[in-house]
């Protein structure tokens, strides 16, 4: 149905309009590509156990990226 994509687009629009970076964590490796498609990058991976990992992901605001160029 694309609900996740719609929610992420709303979330990103709001964060971008305020110039805010975004942070999230996921324990499902299948989610990584979805979040990367919105500009998130993995900044840390933690192995909690042999069966469980967690990925911390960040997306900088376009305003922040523009200032650093």
PDB file of N, CA and C in Angstrom:
ATOM      1  N   UNK A   1       0.808  -1.195   0.000  1.00  0.00           N
ATOM      2  CA  UNK A   1       0.000   0.000   0.000  1.00  0.00           C
ATOM      3  C   UNK A   1       0.860   1.273   0.000  1.00  0.00           C
ATOM      4  N   UNK A   2       2.140   1.164   0.371  1.00  0.00           N
ATOM      5  CA  UNK A   2       3.001   2.322   0.362  1.00  0.00           C
ATOM      6  C   UNK A   2       2.836   3.249   1.553  1.00  0.00           C
ATOM      7  N   UNK A   3       2.247   2.747   2.628  1.00  0.00           N
ATOM      8  CA  UNK A   3       2.022   3.597   3.798  1.00  0.00           C
ATOM      9  C   UNK A   3       3.354   4.022   4.424  1.00  0.00           C
ATOM     10  N   UNK A   4       4.287   3.090   4.530  1.00  0.00           N
ATOM     11  CA  UNK A   4       5.597   3.411   5.102  1.00  0.00           C
ATOM     12  C   UNK A   4       6.296   4.508   4.316  1.00  0.00           C
ATOM     13  N   UNK A   5       6.236   4.417   3.004  1.00  0.00           N
ATOM     14  CA  UNK A   5       6.863   5.432   2.143  1.00  0.00           C
ATOM     15  C   UNK A   5       6.192   6.799   2.322  1.00  0.00           C
ATOM     16  N   UNK A   6       4.880   6.801   2.417  1.00  0.00           N
ATOM     17  CA  UNK A   6       4.155   8.065   2.618  1.00  0.00           C
ATOM     18  C   UNK A   6       4.507   8.695   3.962  1.00  0.00           C
ATOM     19  N   UNK A   7       4.557   7.877   5.006  1.00  0.00           N
ATOM     20  CA  UNK A   7       4.907   8.385   6.329  1.00  0.00           C
ATOM     21  C   UNK A   7       6.336   8.917   6.354  1.00  0.00           C
ATOM     22  N   UNK A   8       7.254   8.198   5.732  1.00  0.00           N
ATOM     23  CA  UNK A   8       8.647   8.664   5.697  1.00  0.00           C
ATOM     24  C   UNK A   8       8.757   9.978   4.932  1.00  0.00           C
ATOM     25  N   UNK A   9       8.033  10.099   3.831  1.00  0.00           N
ATOM     26  CA  UNK A   9       8.070  11.345   3.066  1.00  0.00           C
ATOM     27  C   UNK A   9       7.575  12.523   3.909  1.00  0.00           C
ATOM     28  N   UNK A  10       6.501  12.326   4.664  1.00  0.00           N
ATOM     29  CA  UNK A  10       5.991  13.385   5.542  1.00  0.00           C
ATOM     30  C   UNK A  10       7.010  13.737   6.623  1.00  0.00           C
ATOM     31  N   UNK A  11       7.583  12.731   7.220  1.00  0.00           N
ATOM     32  CA  UNK A  11       8.584  12.904   8.272  1.00  0.00           C
ATOM     33  C   UNK A  11       9.794  13.676   7.738  1.00  0.00           C
ATOM     34  N   UNK A  12      10.285  13.281   6.575  1.00  0.00           N
ATOM     35  CA  UNK A  12      11.467  13.924   5.964  1.00  0.00           C
ATOM     36  C   UNK A  12      11.145  15.369   5.575  1.00  0.00           C
ATOM     37  N   UNK A  13       9.982  15.593   5.012  1.00  0.00           N
ATOM     38  CA  UNK A  13       9.588  16.962   4.647  1.00  0.00           C
ATOM     39  C   UNK A  13       9.586  17.872   5.863  1.00  0.00           C
ATOM     40  N   UNK A  14       9.015  17.397   6.947  1.00  0.00           N
ATOM     41  CA  UNK A  14       8.953  18.196   8.168  1.00  0.00           C
ATOM     42  C   UNK A  14      10.351  18.467   8.716  1.00  0.00           C
ATOM     43  N   UNK A  15      11.174  17.446   8.774  1.00  0.00           N
ATOM     44  CA  UNK A  15      12.547  17.614   9.274  1.00  0.00           C
ATOM     45  C   UNK A  15      13.330  18.581   8.386  1.00  0.00           C
ATOM     46  N   UNK A  16      13.206  18.427   7.060  1.00  0.00           N
ATOM     47  CA  UNK A  16      13.922  19.304   6.127  1.00  0.00           C
ATOM     48  C   UNK A  16      13.453  20.749   6.251  1.00  0.00           C
ATOM     49  N   UNK A  17      12.157  20.952   6.435  1.00  0.00           N
ATOM     50  CA  UNK A  17      11.630  22.312   6.536  1.00  0.00           C
ATOM     51  C   UNK A  17      12.156  23.020   7.789  1.00  0.00           C
ATOM     52  N   UNK A  18      12.550  22.224   8.787  1.00  0.00           N
ATOM     53  CA  UNK A  18      13.093  22.788  10.029  1.00  0.00           C
ATOM     54  C   UNK A  18      14.616  22.730  10.071  1.00  0.00           C
ATOM     55  N   UNK A  19      15.229  22.132   9.028  1.00  0.00           N
ATOM     56  CA  UNK A  19      16.682  22.017   8.988  1.00  0.00           C
ATOM     57  C   UNK A  19      17.246  21.028   9.989  1.00  0.00           C
ATOM     58  N   UNK A  20      16.449  19.993  10.300  1.00  0.00           N
ATOM     59  CA  UNK A  20      16.850  19.030  11.323  1.00  0.00           C
ATOM     60  C   UNK A  20      17.424  17.745  10.727  1.00  0.00           C
ATOM     61  N   UNK A  21      18.458  17.190  11.345  1.00  0.00           N
ATOM     62  CA  UNK A  21      18.923  15.871  10.944  1.00  0.00           C
ATOM     63  C   UNK A  21      17.950  14.813  11.478  1.00  0.00           C
ATOM     64  N   UNK A  22      18.005  13.615  10.942  1.00  0.00           N
ATOM     65  CA  UNK A  22      17.140  12.521  11.377  1.00  0.00           C
ATOM     66  C   UNK A  22      18.001  11.345  11.820  1.00  0.00           C
ATOM     67  N   UNK A  23      17.527  10.614  12.822  1.00  0.00           N
ATOM     68  CA  UNK A  23      18.221   9.457  13.372  1.00  0.00           C
ATOM     69  C   UNK A  23      17.212   8.338  13.579  1.00  0.00           C
ATOM     70  N   UNK A  24      17.630   7.109  13.294  1.00  0.00           N
ATOM     71  CA  UNK A  24      16.771   5.963  13.561  1.00  0.00           C
ATOM     72  C   UNK A  24      17.616   4.748  13.837  1.00  0.00           C
ATOM     73  N   UNK A  25      16.983   3.740  14.387  1.00  0.00           N
ATOM     74  CA  UNK A  25      17.609   2.441  14.605  1.00  0.00           C
ATOM     75  C   UNK A  25      16.685   1.367  14.061  1.00  0.00           C
ATOM     76  N   UNK A  26      17.292   0.325  13.512  1.00  0.00           N
ATOM     77  CA  UNK A  26      16.521  -0.812  13.032  1.00  0.00           C
ATOM     78  C   UNK A  26      17.260  -2.095  13.382  1.00  0.00           C
ATOM     79  N   UNK A  27      16.500  -3.131  13.632  1.00  0.00           N
ATOM     80  CA  UNK A  27      17.081  -4.448  13.885  1.00  0.00           C
ATOM     81  C   UNK A  27      16.788  -5.407  12.737  1.00  0.00           C
ATOM     82  N   UNK A  28      16.192  -4.906  11.680  1.00  0.00           N
ATOM     83  CA  UNK A  28      15.835  -5.738  10.533  1.00  0.00           C
ATOM     84  C   UNK A  28      16.706  -5.341   9.343  1.00  0.00           C
ATOM     85  N   UNK A  29      17.626  -6.203   8.925  1.00  0.00           N
ATOM     86  CA  UNK A  29      18.500  -5.855   7.807  1.00  0.00           C
ATOM     87  C   UNK A  29      17.740  -5.579   6.506  1.00  0.00           C
ATOM     88  N   UNK A  30      16.540  -6.098   6.391  1.00  0.00           N
ATOM     89  CA  UNK A  30      15.722  -5.832   5.201  1.00  0.00           C
ATOM     90  C   UNK A  30      15.294  -4.370   5.118  1.00  0.00           C
ATOM     91  N   UNK A  31      15.312  -3.662   6.239  1.00  0.00           N
ATOM     92  CA  UNK A  31      14.915  -2.256   6.250  1.00  0.00           C
ATOM     93  C   UNK A  31      16.005  -1.308   5.764  1.00  0.00           C
ATOM     94  N   UNK A  32      17.246  -1.762   5.744  1.00  0.00           N
ATOM     95  CA  UNK A  32      18.359  -0.874   5.420  1.00  0.00           C
ATOM     96  C   UNK A  32      18.192  -0.192   4.066  1.00  0.00           C
ATOM     97  N   UNK A  33      17.878  -0.932   3.036  1.00  0.00           N
ATOM     98  CA  UNK A  33      17.700  -0.360   1.703  1.00  0.00           C
ATOM     99  C   UNK A  33      16.563   0.645   1.647  1.00  0.00           C
ATOM    100  N   UNK A  34      15.486   0.361   2.358  1.00  0.00           N
ATOM    101  CA  UNK A  34      14.349   1.273   2.406  1.00  0.00           C
ATOM    102  C   UNK A  34      14.786   2.610   2.976  1.00  0.00           C
ATOM    103  N   UNK A  35      15.473   2.592   4.129  1.00  0.00           N
ATOM    104  CA  UNK A  35      15.908   3.835   4.753  1.00  0.00           C
ATOM    105  C   UNK A  35      16.996   4.533   3.930  1.00  0.00           C
ATOM    106  N   UNK A  36      17.884   3.766   3.317  1.00  0.00           N
ATOM    107  CA  UNK A  36      18.914   4.367   2.459  1.00  0.00           C
ATOM    108  C   UNK A  36      18.289   5.095   1.280  1.00  0.00           C
ATOM    109  N   UNK A  37      17.153   4.615   0.804  1.00  0.00           N
ATOM    110  CA  UNK A  37      16.494   5.283  -0.318  1.00  0.00           C
ATOM    111  C   UNK A  37      15.977   6.668   0.065  1.00  0.00           C
ATOM    112  N   UNK A  38      15.905   6.960   1.370  1.00  0.00           N
ATOM    113  CA  UNK A  38      15.493   8.273   1.858  1.00  0.00           C
ATOM    114  C   UNK A  38      16.693   9.113   2.295  1.00  0.00           C
ATOM    115  N   UNK A  39      17.882   8.619   2.026  1.00  0.00           N
ATOM    116  CA  UNK A  39      19.090   9.382   2.337  1.00  0.00           C
ATOM    117  C   UNK A  39      19.747   9.044   3.652  1.00  0.00           C
ATOM    118  N   UNK A  40      19.276   8.013   4.342  1.00  0.00           N
ATOM    119  CA  UNK A  40      19.902   7.604   5.596  1.00  0.00           C
ATOM    120  C   UNK A  40      21.166   6.791   5.305  1.00  0.00           C
ATOM    121  N   UNK A  41      22.143   6.919   6.182  1.00  0.00           N
ATOM    122  CA  UNK A  41      23.384   6.143   6.092  1.00  0.00           C
ATOM    123  C   UNK A  41      23.637   5.466   7.427  1.00  0.00           C
ATOM    124  N   UNK A  42      24.164   4.251   7.358  1.00  0.00           N
ATOM    125  CA  UNK A  42      24.513   3.524   8.581  1.00  0.00           C
ATOM    126  C   UNK A  42      25.730   4.194   9.202  1.00  0.00           C
ATOM    127  N   UNK A  43      25.632   4.540  10.481  1.00  0.00           N
ATOM    128  CA  UNK A  43      26.757   5.125  11.198  1.00  0.00           C
ATOM    129  C   UNK A  43      27.313   4.179  12.253  1.00  0.00           C
ATOM    130  N   UNK A  44      26.524   3.162  12.611  1.00  0.00           N
ATOM    131  CA  UNK A  44      27.000   2.191  13.590  1.00  0.00           C
ATOM    132  C   UNK A  44      26.199   0.907  13.470  1.00  0.00           C
ATOM    133  N   UNK A  45      26.919  -0.205  13.602  1.00  0.00           N
ATOM    134  CA  UNK A  45      26.270  -1.514  13.623  1.00  0.00           C
ATOM    135  C   UNK A  45      26.706  -2.214  14.897  1.00  0.00           C
ATOM    136  N   UNK A  46      25.741  -2.715  15.636  1.00  0.00           N
ATOM    137  CA  UNK A  46      26.028  -3.403  16.897  1.00  0.00           C
ATOM    138  C   UNK A  46      25.538  -4.838  16.799  1.00  0.00           C
ATOM    139  N   UNK A  47      26.409  -5.786  17.157  1.00  0.00           N
ATOM    140  CA  UNK A  47      25.992  -7.181  17.236  1.00  0.00           C
ATOM    141  C   UNK A  47      25.587  -7.460  18.674  1.00  0.00           C
ATOM    142  N   UNK A  48      24.300  -7.583  18.886  1.00  0.00           N
ATOM    143  CA  UNK A  48      23.759  -7.810  20.222  1.00  0.00           C
ATOM    144  C   UNK A  48      23.941  -9.271  20.619  1.00  0.00           C
ATOM    145  N   UNK A  49      23.707 -10.149  19.668  1.00  0.00           N
ATOM    146  CA  UNK A  49      23.954 -11.582  19.834  1.00  0.00           C
ATOM    147  C   UNK A  49      24.205 -12.134  18.441  1.00  0.00           C
ATOM    148  N   UNK A  50      24.459 -13.425  18.358  1.00  0.00           N
ATOM    149  CA  UNK A  50      24.705 -14.025  17.037  1.00  0.00           C
ATOM    150  C   UNK A  50      23.466 -13.963  16.151  1.00  0.00           C
ATOM    151  N   UNK A  51      22.312 -13.758  16.750  1.00  0.00           N
ATOM    152  CA  UNK A  51      21.060 -13.706  15.991  1.00  0.00           C
ATOM    153  C   UNK A  51      20.439 -12.320  15.912  1.00  0.00           C
ATOM    154  N   UNK A  52      21.046 -11.327  16.584  1.00  0.00           N
ATOM    155  CA  UNK A  52      20.428 -10.005  16.623  1.00  0.00           C
ATOM    156  C   UNK A  52      21.465  -8.903  16.439  1.00  0.00           C
ATOM    157  N   UNK A  53      21.223  -8.058  15.439  1.00  0.00           N
ATOM    158  CA  UNK A  53      22.056  -6.889  15.190  1.00  0.00           C
ATOM    159  C   UNK A  53      21.178  -5.652  15.175  1.00  0.00           C
ATOM    160  N   UNK A  54      21.806  -4.522  15.434  1.00  0.00           N
ATOM    161  CA  UNK A  54      21.108  -3.243  15.387  1.00  0.00           C
ATOM    162  C   UNK A  54      21.938  -2.272  14.556  1.00  0.00           C
ATOM    163  N   UNK A  55      21.266  -1.520  13.710  1.00  0.00           N
ATOM    164  CA  UNK A  55      21.926  -0.525  12.871  1.00  0.00           C
ATOM    165  C   UNK A  55      21.421   0.858  13.256  1.00  0.00           C
ATOM    166  N   UNK A  56      22.335   1.773  13.525  1.00  0.00           N
ATOM    167  CA  UNK A  56      22.006   3.177  13.768  1.00  0.00           C
ATOM    168  C   UNK A  56      22.221   3.911  12.456  1.00  0.00           C
ATOM    169  N   UNK A  57      21.229   4.722  12.067  1.00  0.00           N
ATOM    170  CA  UNK A  57      21.284   5.411  10.785  1.00  0.00           C
ATOM    171  C   UNK A  57      20.988   6.898  10.970  1.00  0.00           C
ATOM    172  N   UNK A  58      21.645   7.719  10.172  1.00  0.00           N
ATOM    173  CA  UNK A  58      21.493   9.166  10.247  1.00  0.00           C
ATOM    174  C   UNK A  58      21.238   9.716   8.852  1.00  0.00           C
ATOM    175  N   UNK A  59      20.441  10.763   8.803  1.00  0.00           N
ATOM    176  CA  UNK A  59      20.208  11.522   7.574  1.00  0.00           C
ATOM    177  C   UNK A  59      20.371  12.989   7.943  1.00  0.00           C
ATOM    178  N   UNK A  60      21.404  13.629   7.369  1.00  0.00           N
ATOM    179  CA  UNK A  60      21.624  15.047   7.628  1.00  0.00           C
ATOM    180  C   UNK A  60      20.601  15.870   6.874  1.00  0.00           C
ATOM    181  N   UNK A  61      20.320  17.041   7.387  1.00  0.00           N
ATOM    182  CA  UNK A  61      19.390  17.925   6.683  1.00  0.00           C
ATOM    183  C   UNK A  61      20.098  18.509   5.464  1.00  0.00           C
ATOM    184  N   UNK A  62      19.376  18.799   4.401  1.00  0.00           N
ATOM    185  CA  UNK A  62      19.987  19.431   3.221  1.00  0.00           C
ATOM    186  C   UNK A  62      20.664  20.765   3.588  1.00  0.00           C
ATOM    187  N   UNK A  63      20.129  21.490   4.565  1.00  0.00           N
ATOM    188  CA  UNK A  63      20.740  22.754   4.992  1.00  0.00           C
ATOM    189  C   UNK A  63      22.122  22.494   5.590  1.00  0.00           C
ATOM    190  N   UNK A  64      22.248  21.450   6.390  1.00  0.00           N
ATOM    191  CA  UNK A  64      23.525  21.102   7.013  1.00  0.00           C
ATOM    192  C   UNK A  64      24.533  20.677   5.951  1.00  0.00           C
ATOM    193  N   UNK A  65      24.109  19.859   4.996  1.00  0.00           N
ATOM    194  CA  UNK A  65      25.001  19.407   3.939  1.00  0.00           C
ATOM    195  C   UNK A  65      25.465  20.583   3.087  1.00  0.00           C
ATOM    196  N   UNK A  66      24.569  21.525   2.818  1.00  0.00           N
ATOM    197  CA  UNK A  66      24.897  22.678   2.000  1.00  0.00           C
ATOM    198  C   UNK A  66      25.949  23.556   2.683  1.00  0.00           C
ATOM    199  N   UNK A  67      25.849  23.712   4.000  1.00  0.00           N
ATOM    200  CA  UNK A  67      26.804  24.527   4.758  1.00  0.00           C
ATOM    201  C   UNK A  67      28.187  23.927   4.747  1.00  0.00           C
ATOM    202  N   UNK A  68      28.296  22.589   4.673  1.00  0.00           N
ATOM    203  CA  UNK A  68      29.582  21.900   4.731  1.00  0.00           C
ATOM    204  C   UNK A  68      30.265  21.785   3.376  1.00  0.00           C
ATOM    205  N   UNK A  69      29.703  22.331   2.349  1.00  0.00           N
ATOM    206  CA  UNK A  69      30.338  22.241   1.023  1.00  0.00           C
ATOM    207  C   UNK A  69      31.275  23.375   0.787  1.00  0.00           C
TER     208      UNK A  69
END
